[in-house]
Amino acid sequence: MAALADKFAVNLKSERLRRKLSQEALAAKAGLSVSYISMLERGQRTPPLDTLESLAKALAVSPTSLLS
């Protein structure tokens, strides 16, 4: 499962940067805290499915694209 969590962390940051969003902007769009976004991007936390869905919607991508 660690490999999947690592892929998620890399993909989340990549998609955020591709859309030129700051962590603050993504946090606001997804209804999450900036510190939580930071922990997700560093692989320190893995999100529950509802959070994964919120992040995917905020980035306008499918949830599976954040995991592949």
C-alpha atoms as a PDB file:
ATOM      1  CA  MET A   1       0.000   0.000   0.000  1.00  0.00           C
ATOM      2  CA  ALA A   2       2.943   2.335   0.553  1.00  0.00           C
ATOM      3  CA  ALA A   3       3.650   2.443  -3.182  1.00  0.00           C
ATOM      4  CA  LEU A   4       0.098   3.594  -3.885  1.00  0.00           C
ATOM      5  CA  ALA A   5       0.367   6.283  -1.206  1.00  0.00           C
ATOM      6  CA  ASP A   6       3.646   7.464  -2.723  1.00  0.00           C
ATOM      7  CA  LYS A   7       2.104   7.632  -6.202  1.00  0.00           C
ATOM      8  CA  PHE A   8      -0.820   9.618  -4.799  1.00  0.00           C
ATOM      9  CA  ALA A   9       1.512  12.136  -3.135  1.00  0.00           C
ATOM     10  CA  VAL A  10       3.499  12.692  -6.340  1.00  0.00           C
ATOM     11  CA  ASN A  11       0.378  12.899  -8.529  1.00  0.00           C
ATOM     12  CA  LEU A  12      -1.397  15.314  -6.192  1.00  0.00           C
ATOM     13  CA  LYS A  13       1.511  17.756  -6.198  1.00  0.00           C
ATOM     14  CA  SER A  14       2.034  17.349  -9.933  1.00  0.00           C
ATOM     15  CA  GLU A  15      -1.617  18.080 -10.756  1.00  0.00           C
ATOM     16  CA  ARG A  16      -1.662  21.064  -8.388  1.00  0.00           C
ATOM     17  CA  LEU A  17       1.451  22.549  -9.962  1.00  0.00           C
ATOM     18  CA  ARG A  18       0.218  21.814 -13.490  1.00  0.00           C
ATOM     19  CA  ARG A  19      -2.835  23.930 -12.733  1.00  0.00           C
ATOM     20  CA  LYS A  20      -0.649  26.643 -11.170  1.00  0.00           C
ATOM     21  CA  LEU A  21      -2.471  26.371  -7.841  1.00  0.00           C
ATOM     22  CA  SER A  22      -0.851  27.103  -4.518  1.00  0.00           C
ATOM     23  CA  GLN A  23      -1.437  24.732  -1.637  1.00  0.00           C
ATOM     24  CA  GLU A  24      -3.636  27.464  -0.155  1.00  0.00           C
ATOM     25  CA  ALA A  25      -5.780  27.672  -3.290  1.00  0.00           C
ATOM     26  CA  LEU A  26      -6.181  23.897  -3.525  1.00  0.00           C
ATOM     27  CA  ALA A  27      -7.038  23.691   0.166  1.00  0.00           C
ATOM     28  CA  ALA A  28      -9.739  26.326  -0.266  1.00  0.00           C
ATOM     29  CA  LYS A  29     -11.217  24.615  -3.342  1.00  0.00           C
ATOM     30  CA  ALA A  30     -11.246  21.198  -1.649  1.00  0.00           C
ATOM     31  CA  GLY A  31     -12.399  22.423   1.758  1.00  0.00           C
ATOM     32  CA  LEU A  32      -9.238  21.210   3.499  1.00  0.00           C
ATOM     33  CA  SER A  33      -6.467  22.823   5.513  1.00  0.00           C
ATOM     34  CA  VAL A  34      -3.187  23.903   3.968  1.00  0.00           C
ATOM     35  CA  SER A  35      -1.244  21.803   6.461  1.00  0.00           C
ATOM     36  CA  TYR A  36      -3.234  18.710   5.443  1.00  0.00           C
ATOM     37  CA  ILE A  37      -2.517  19.346   1.754  1.00  0.00           C
ATOM     38  CA  SER A  38       1.166  19.658   2.625  1.00  0.00           C
ATOM     39  CA  MET A  39       1.136  16.382   4.566  1.00  0.00           C
ATOM     40  CA  LEU A  40      -0.620  14.620   1.681  1.00  0.00           C
ATOM     41  CA  GLU A  41       1.937  15.880  -0.838  1.00  0.00           C
ATOM     42  CA  ARG A  42       4.812  14.744   1.375  1.00  0.00           C
ATOM     43  CA  GLY A  43       3.256  11.310   1.836  1.00  0.00           C
ATOM     44  CA  GLN A  44       2.795  11.781   5.561  1.00  0.00           C
ATOM     45  CA  ARG A  45      -0.954  11.129   5.355  1.00  0.00           C
ATOM     46  CA  THR A  46      -3.194   9.074   3.120  1.00  0.00           C
ATOM     47  CA  PRO A  47      -6.652  10.465   2.467  1.00  0.00           C
ATOM     48  CA  PRO A  48      -9.951   8.710   3.023  1.00  0.00           C
ATOM     49  CA  LEU A  49     -12.022   8.162  -0.109  1.00  0.00           C
ATOM     50  CA  ASP A  50     -14.236  11.213   0.430  1.00  0.00           C
ATOM     51  CA  THR A  51     -11.149  13.428   0.646  1.00  0.00           C
ATOM     52  CA  LEU A  52      -9.703  11.823  -2.474  1.00  0.00           C
ATOM     53  CA  GLU A  53     -12.940  12.666  -4.255  1.00  0.00           C
ATOM     54  CA  SER A  54     -12.874  16.283  -3.004  1.00  0.00           C
ATOM     55  CA  LEU A  55      -9.305  16.733  -4.213  1.00  0.00           C
ATOM     56  CA  ALA A  56     -10.089  15.207  -7.590  1.00  0.00           C
ATOM     57  CA  LYS A  57     -13.054  17.550  -8.039  1.00  0.00           C
ATOM     58  CA  ALA A  58     -10.975  20.561  -7.004  1.00  0.00           C
ATOM     59  CA  LEU A  59      -8.340  19.603  -9.583  1.00  0.00           C
ATOM     60  CA  ALA A  60     -10.915  18.616 -12.241  1.00  0.00           C
ATOM     61  CA  VAL A  61      -9.455  15.103 -12.618  1.00  0.00           C
ATOM     62  CA  SER A  62     -10.757  11.630 -11.944  1.00  0.00           C
ATOM     63  CA  PRO A  63      -9.940  10.124  -8.537  1.00  0.00           C
ATOM     64  CA  THR A  64      -8.206   7.218 -10.261  1.00  0.00           C
ATOM     65  CA  SER A  65      -5.813   9.582 -12.041  1.00  0.00           C
ATOM     66  CA  LEU A  66      -4.457  10.633  -8.653  1.00  0.00           C
ATOM     67  CA  LEU A  67      -3.720   6.997  -7.834  1.00  0.00           C
ATOM     68  CA  SER A  68      -2.201   5.757 -11.088  1.00  0.00           C
END
